[in-house]
Amino acid sequence: RRCHAAVSPGKSWEGVAAEACWAAATAMVIRGVHEGGVADLRMPPGLSVASYLLLALTITATGVTGDLCESFLKRLGGFKDSGDFFPGHGGVLDRFDGIFFALHGLVAWRLLALGS
């Protein structure tokens, strides 16, 4: 099943679920690294697992939104790809569109969930 076939024919709900699982696993690794004292990630100690899972959900939602927005802009402009540097992969912007949006999600989570 496709998320929004008119905008991004290749984006499926299964892919979104996989992104969410990967983000949750990564968030738990980050929590372990931070709580284990391996690295100072500038996060308060003792954040709950739920806080990290909220971070994963936020990054997944904003990343998928970035991907769909970039695909929408390509469709508006009548382009299939945003470039040809990576043939068959939609261009360089397709590699980073989700990251650009996800960074905003990370900052929003940091400001809202942590209060600073």
N, C-alpha and C. Protein backbone atom coordinates (compact mmCIF):
# COMPACT_ATOMS: atom_id res chain seq x y z
N ARG A 1 0.83 -1.18 0.00
CA ARG A 1 0.00 0.00 0.00
C ARG A 1 0.88 1.25 0.00
N ARG A 2 0.47 2.20 -0.77
CA ARG A 2 1.24 3.44 -0.93
C ARG A 2 0.71 4.52 0.02
N CYS A 3 1.64 5.34 0.52
CA CYS A 3 1.26 6.44 1.42
C CYS A 3 0.47 7.50 0.68
N HIS A 4 1.06 7.98 -0.40
CA HIS A 4 0.45 9.05 -1.18
C HIS A 4 0.93 8.88 -2.61
N ALA A 5 0.29 7.97 -3.33
CA ALA A 5 0.75 7.57 -4.67
C ALA A 5 0.84 8.74 -5.65
N ALA A 6 -0.04 9.72 -5.51
CA ALA A 6 -0.02 10.85 -6.44
C ALA A 6 1.23 11.71 -6.26
N VAL A 7 1.78 11.74 -5.08
CA VAL A 7 2.96 12.56 -4.79
C VAL A 7 4.24 11.76 -4.88
N SER A 8 4.25 10.59 -4.24
CA SER A 8 5.45 9.77 -4.19
C SER A 8 5.07 8.31 -4.39
N PRO A 9 5.05 7.85 -5.63
CA PRO A 9 4.58 6.50 -5.92
C PRO A 9 5.38 5.40 -5.22
N GLY A 10 6.62 5.66 -4.87
CA GLY A 10 7.45 4.63 -4.25
C GLY A 10 7.36 4.58 -2.73
N LYS A 11 6.71 5.54 -2.10
CA LYS A 11 6.65 5.60 -0.64
C LYS A 11 5.50 4.74 -0.14
N SER A 12 5.84 3.69 0.61
CA SER A 12 4.81 2.77 1.11
C SER A 12 4.68 2.88 2.62
N TRP A 13 3.55 2.41 3.13
CA TRP A 13 3.36 2.38 4.59
C TRP A 13 4.34 1.41 5.24
N GLU A 14 4.70 0.36 4.52
CA GLU A 14 5.68 -0.58 5.04
C GLU A 14 7.03 0.11 5.21
N GLY A 15 7.37 0.96 4.25
CA GLY A 15 8.61 1.72 4.34
C GLY A 15 8.60 2.69 5.51
N VAL A 16 7.46 3.32 5.74
CA VAL A 16 7.33 4.22 6.89
C VAL A 16 7.50 3.44 8.19
N ALA A 17 6.88 2.25 8.27
CA ALA A 17 7.01 1.41 9.47
C ALA A 17 8.48 1.00 9.68
N ALA A 18 9.16 0.67 8.59
CA ALA A 18 10.58 0.31 8.71
C ALA A 18 11.41 1.50 9.19
N GLU A 19 11.10 2.68 8.68
CA GLU A 19 11.79 3.89 9.13
C GLU A 19 11.55 4.11 10.62
N ALA A 20 10.32 3.91 11.08
CA ALA A 20 9.99 4.10 12.49
C ALA A 20 10.74 3.09 13.36
N CYS A 21 10.81 1.85 12.92
CA CYS A 21 11.55 0.82 13.69
C CYS A 21 13.03 1.16 13.75
N TRP A 22 13.59 1.57 12.64
CA TRP A 22 15.01 1.94 12.61
C TRP A 22 15.26 3.15 13.51
N ALA A 23 14.38 4.14 13.47
CA ALA A 23 14.53 5.32 14.32
C ALA A 23 14.43 4.95 15.79
N ALA A 24 13.51 4.05 16.14
CA ALA A 24 13.36 3.62 17.54
C ALA A 24 14.61 2.87 18.00
N ALA A 25 15.14 1.98 17.16
CA ALA A 25 16.35 1.25 17.53
C ALA A 25 17.53 2.21 17.70
N THR A 26 17.65 3.17 16.80
CA THR A 26 18.72 4.16 16.90
C THR A 26 18.57 4.99 18.16
N ALA A 27 17.34 5.39 18.48
CA ALA A 27 17.10 6.17 19.70
C ALA A 27 17.51 5.38 20.94
N MET A 28 17.26 4.08 20.95
CA MET A 28 17.65 3.27 22.10
C MET A 28 19.17 3.14 22.20
N VAL A 29 19.86 3.07 21.07
CA VAL A 29 21.33 3.04 21.08
C VAL A 29 21.85 4.37 21.61
N ILE A 30 21.28 5.46 21.13
CA ILE A 30 21.69 6.79 21.61
C ILE A 30 21.46 6.90 23.11
N ARG A 31 20.33 6.40 23.58
CA ARG A 31 20.04 6.43 25.02
C ARG A 31 21.10 5.63 25.78
N GLY A 32 21.44 4.45 25.27
CA GLY A 32 22.45 3.64 25.92
C GLY A 32 23.81 4.30 25.96
N VAL A 33 24.19 4.93 24.86
CA VAL A 33 25.47 5.63 24.80
C VAL A 33 25.47 6.78 25.79
N HIS A 34 24.39 7.54 25.83
CA HIS A 34 24.31 8.70 26.72
C HIS A 34 24.25 8.27 28.18
N GLU A 35 23.35 7.37 28.49
CA GLU A 35 23.18 6.93 29.89
C GLU A 35 24.39 6.16 30.38
N GLY A 36 25.10 5.48 29.48
CA GLY A 36 26.29 4.73 29.85
C GLY A 36 27.52 5.60 30.06
N GLY A 37 27.39 6.90 29.79
CA GLY A 37 28.50 7.81 30.00
C GLY A 37 29.55 7.76 28.91
N VAL A 38 29.24 7.11 27.80
CA VAL A 38 30.21 7.01 26.70
C VAL A 38 30.40 8.36 26.02
N ALA A 39 29.34 9.14 25.92
CA ALA A 39 29.43 10.44 25.25
C ALA A 39 28.46 11.42 25.91
N ASP A 40 28.85 12.67 25.93
CA ASP A 40 27.96 13.71 26.44
C ASP A 40 27.16 14.25 25.26
N LEU A 41 25.90 13.89 25.21
CA LEU A 41 25.04 14.29 24.09
C LEU A 41 24.22 15.53 24.41
N ARG A 42 24.57 16.20 25.50
CA ARG A 42 23.88 17.41 25.92
C ARG A 42 22.40 17.18 26.15
N MET A 43 22.08 16.02 26.70
CA MET A 43 20.71 15.71 27.09
C MET A 43 20.72 15.45 28.59
N PRO A 44 19.67 15.87 29.26
CA PRO A 44 19.63 15.63 30.71
C PRO A 44 19.66 14.14 31.01
N PRO A 45 20.33 13.75 32.08
CA PRO A 45 20.35 12.33 32.44
C PRO A 45 18.97 11.87 32.89
N GLY A 46 18.71 10.59 32.73
CA GLY A 46 17.47 10.03 33.24
C GLY A 46 16.26 10.21 32.36
N LEU A 47 16.45 10.57 31.09
CA LEU A 47 15.29 10.66 30.20
C LEU A 47 14.67 9.28 30.06
N SER A 48 13.37 9.23 30.02
CA SER A 48 12.67 7.95 29.94
C SER A 48 12.78 7.35 28.54
N VAL A 49 12.52 6.05 28.50
CA VAL A 49 12.46 5.36 27.21
C VAL A 49 11.38 6.01 26.35
N ALA A 50 10.27 6.41 26.96
CA ALA A 50 9.18 7.06 26.22
C ALA A 50 9.66 8.35 25.56
N SER A 51 10.53 9.09 26.23
CA SER A 51 11.06 10.33 25.63
C SER A 51 11.86 10.04 24.38
N TYR A 52 12.68 8.99 24.44
CA TYR A 52 13.47 8.62 23.27
C TYR A 52 12.60 8.05 22.16
N LEU A 53 11.56 7.32 22.52
CA LEU A 53 10.64 6.81 21.49
C LEU A 53 9.84 7.95 20.87
N LEU A 54 9.51 8.96 21.66
CA LEU A 54 8.86 10.15 21.10
C LEU A 54 9.80 10.84 20.12
N LEU A 55 11.07 10.88 20.45
CA LEU A 55 12.06 11.44 19.52
C LEU A 55 12.07 10.65 18.22
N ALA A 56 12.07 9.32 18.32
CA ALA A 56 12.07 8.48 17.12
C ALA A 56 10.82 8.73 16.28
N LEU A 57 9.67 8.83 16.92
CA LEU A 57 8.42 9.10 16.21
C LEU A 57 8.45 10.47 15.54
N THR A 58 8.98 11.45 16.24
CA THR A 58 9.08 12.81 15.69
C THR A 58 9.99 12.83 14.47
N ILE A 59 11.13 12.19 14.57
CA ILE A 59 12.07 12.17 13.44
C ILE A 59 11.49 11.40 12.26
N THR A 60 10.79 10.30 12.54
CA THR A 60 10.16 9.55 11.45
C THR A 60 9.12 10.41 10.75
N ALA A 61 8.23 11.04 11.52
CA ALA A 61 7.16 11.85 10.93
C ALA A 61 7.72 13.02 10.13
N THR A 62 8.71 13.71 10.67
CA THR A 62 9.26 14.85 9.95
C THR A 62 10.09 14.41 8.75
N GLY A 63 10.77 13.28 8.86
CA GLY A 63 11.53 12.76 7.72
C GLY A 63 10.64 12.36 6.56
N VAL A 64 9.56 11.66 6.86
CA VAL A 64 8.60 11.27 5.81
C VAL A 64 7.96 12.51 5.21
N THR A 65 7.64 13.49 6.05
CA THR A 65 7.06 14.74 5.55
C THR A 65 8.03 15.43 4.59
N GLY A 66 9.31 15.45 4.93
CA GLY A 66 10.31 16.05 4.04
C GLY A 66 10.38 15.34 2.71
N ASP A 67 10.35 14.03 2.75
CA ASP A 67 10.39 13.24 1.52
C ASP A 67 9.17 13.53 0.65
N LEU A 68 8.00 13.56 1.26
CA LEU A 68 6.77 13.83 0.49
C LEU A 68 6.74 15.26 -0.04
N CYS A 69 7.23 16.22 0.75
CA CYS A 69 7.26 17.62 0.28
C CYS A 69 8.18 17.78 -0.93
N GLU A 70 9.35 17.15 -0.86
CA GLU A 70 10.28 17.24 -1.98
C GLU A 70 9.70 16.57 -3.22
N SER A 71 9.04 15.44 -3.04
CA SER A 71 8.41 14.76 -4.17
C SER A 71 7.29 15.62 -4.75
N PHE A 72 6.54 16.27 -3.89
CA PHE A 72 5.46 17.15 -4.34
C PHE A 72 6.01 18.30 -5.18
N LEU A 73 7.11 18.90 -4.73
CA LEU A 73 7.71 20.00 -5.49
C LEU A 73 8.22 19.51 -6.85
N LYS A 74 8.79 18.31 -6.89
CA LYS A 74 9.23 17.75 -8.17
C LYS A 74 8.04 17.55 -9.10
N ARG A 75 6.93 17.03 -8.58
CA ARG A 75 5.74 16.80 -9.41
C ARG A 75 5.19 18.13 -9.92
N LEU A 76 5.19 19.15 -9.05
CA LEU A 76 4.72 20.47 -9.50
C LEU A 76 5.56 21.01 -10.64
N GLY A 77 6.86 20.79 -10.56
CA GLY A 77 7.78 21.28 -11.59
C GLY A 77 7.86 20.38 -12.81
N GLY A 78 7.22 19.21 -12.74
CA GLY A 78 7.24 18.30 -13.86
C GLY A 78 8.52 17.49 -13.99
N PHE A 79 9.25 17.34 -12.88
CA PHE A 79 10.50 16.59 -12.90
C PHE A 79 10.31 15.23 -12.23
N LYS A 80 11.01 14.24 -12.73
CA LYS A 80 11.00 12.93 -12.08
C LYS A 80 12.07 12.87 -11.00
N ASP A 81 13.23 13.44 -11.31
CA ASP A 81 14.35 13.43 -10.38
C ASP A 81 14.82 14.86 -10.12
N SER A 82 15.44 15.08 -8.94
CA SER A 82 15.95 16.41 -8.62
C SER A 82 17.39 16.59 -9.12
N GLY A 83 17.91 15.61 -9.81
CA GLY A 83 19.25 15.69 -10.37
C GLY A 83 19.68 14.34 -10.90
N ASP A 84 20.88 14.29 -11.47
CA ASP A 84 21.34 13.02 -12.01
C ASP A 84 22.70 12.60 -11.45
N PHE A 85 23.10 13.18 -10.32
CA PHE A 85 24.36 12.81 -9.70
C PHE A 85 24.34 11.36 -9.24
N PHE A 86 23.19 10.91 -8.70
CA PHE A 86 22.98 9.52 -8.32
C PHE A 86 21.93 8.94 -9.26
N PRO A 87 22.30 8.45 -10.43
CA PRO A 87 21.31 7.94 -11.38
C PRO A 87 20.41 6.86 -10.77
N GLY A 88 19.11 7.03 -10.99
CA GLY A 88 18.15 6.05 -10.49
C GLY A 88 17.74 6.27 -9.05
N HIS A 89 18.30 7.30 -8.40
CA HIS A 89 17.98 7.56 -7.00
C HIS A 89 17.28 8.89 -6.80
N GLY A 90 16.87 9.54 -7.83
CA GLY A 90 16.12 10.78 -7.69
C GLY A 90 16.95 12.02 -7.50
N GLY A 91 18.24 11.93 -7.46
CA GLY A 91 19.09 13.09 -7.30
C GLY A 91 19.57 13.27 -5.87
N VAL A 92 20.49 14.21 -5.71
CA VAL A 92 21.09 14.46 -4.41
C VAL A 92 20.04 14.90 -3.39
N LEU A 93 19.14 15.78 -3.80
CA LEU A 93 18.12 16.26 -2.87
C LEU A 93 17.27 15.12 -2.32
N ASP A 94 17.02 14.11 -3.12
CA ASP A 94 16.26 12.95 -2.65
C ASP A 94 17.00 12.19 -1.55
N ARG A 95 18.28 12.27 -1.49
CA ARG A 95 19.06 11.59 -0.45
C ARG A 95 18.98 12.33 0.87
N PHE A 96 18.71 13.63 0.84
CA PHE A 96 18.79 14.44 2.05
C PHE A 96 17.50 15.13 2.45
N ASP A 97 16.45 15.05 1.64
CA ASP A 97 15.22 15.78 1.95
C ASP A 97 14.65 15.40 3.32
N GLY A 98 14.63 14.13 3.62
CA GLY A 98 14.11 13.70 4.92
C GLY A 98 14.98 14.17 6.07
N ILE A 99 16.30 14.18 5.86
CA ILE A 99 17.22 14.63 6.92
C ILE A 99 17.01 16.10 7.22
N PHE A 100 16.82 16.91 6.18
CA PHE A 100 16.62 18.34 6.39
C PHE A 100 15.40 18.59 7.28
N PHE A 101 14.32 17.88 7.02
CA PHE A 101 13.11 18.04 7.83
C PHE A 101 13.30 17.40 9.21
N ALA A 102 13.95 16.25 9.26
CA ALA A 102 14.13 15.55 10.54
C ALA A 102 14.97 16.39 11.51
N LEU A 103 15.92 17.15 11.02
CA LEU A 103 16.69 18.02 11.90
C LEU A 103 15.80 19.04 12.58
N HIS A 104 14.82 19.54 11.85
CA HIS A 104 13.86 20.45 12.46
C HIS A 104 13.03 19.73 13.52
N GLY A 105 12.68 18.48 13.25
CA GLY A 105 11.96 17.68 14.23
C GLY A 105 12.78 17.46 15.48
N LEU A 106 14.08 17.21 15.32
CA LEU A 106 14.96 17.03 16.46
C LEU A 106 15.03 18.29 17.31
N VAL A 107 15.18 19.44 16.67
CA VAL A 107 15.24 20.70 17.40
C VAL A 107 13.92 20.95 18.12
N ALA A 108 12.80 20.71 17.45
CA ALA A 108 11.49 20.90 18.08
C ALA A 108 11.34 19.99 19.29
N TRP A 109 11.74 18.72 19.14
CA TRP A 109 11.68 17.79 20.27
C TRP A 109 12.53 18.28 21.43
N ARG A 110 13.72 18.73 21.12
CA ARG A 110 14.64 19.23 22.15
C ARG A 110 14.04 20.41 22.89
N LEU A 111 13.44 21.33 22.15
CA LEU A 111 12.86 22.51 22.77
C LEU A 111 11.59 22.22 23.54
N LEU A 112 10.71 21.39 22.96
CA LEU A 112 9.42 21.11 23.60
C LEU A 112 9.51 20.06 24.71
N ALA A 113 10.17 18.95 24.43
CA ALA A 113 10.19 17.86 25.41
C ALA A 113 11.14 18.14 26.57
N LEU A 114 12.19 18.87 26.30
CA LEU A 114 13.18 19.11 27.34
C LEU A 114 13.07 20.48 27.96
N GLY A 115 12.29 21.34 27.35
CA GLY A 115 12.04 22.66 27.93
C GLY A 115 13.23 23.60 27.88
N SER A 116 14.16 23.38 26.96
CA SER A 116 15.28 24.33 26.86
C SER A 116 15.82 24.36 25.45
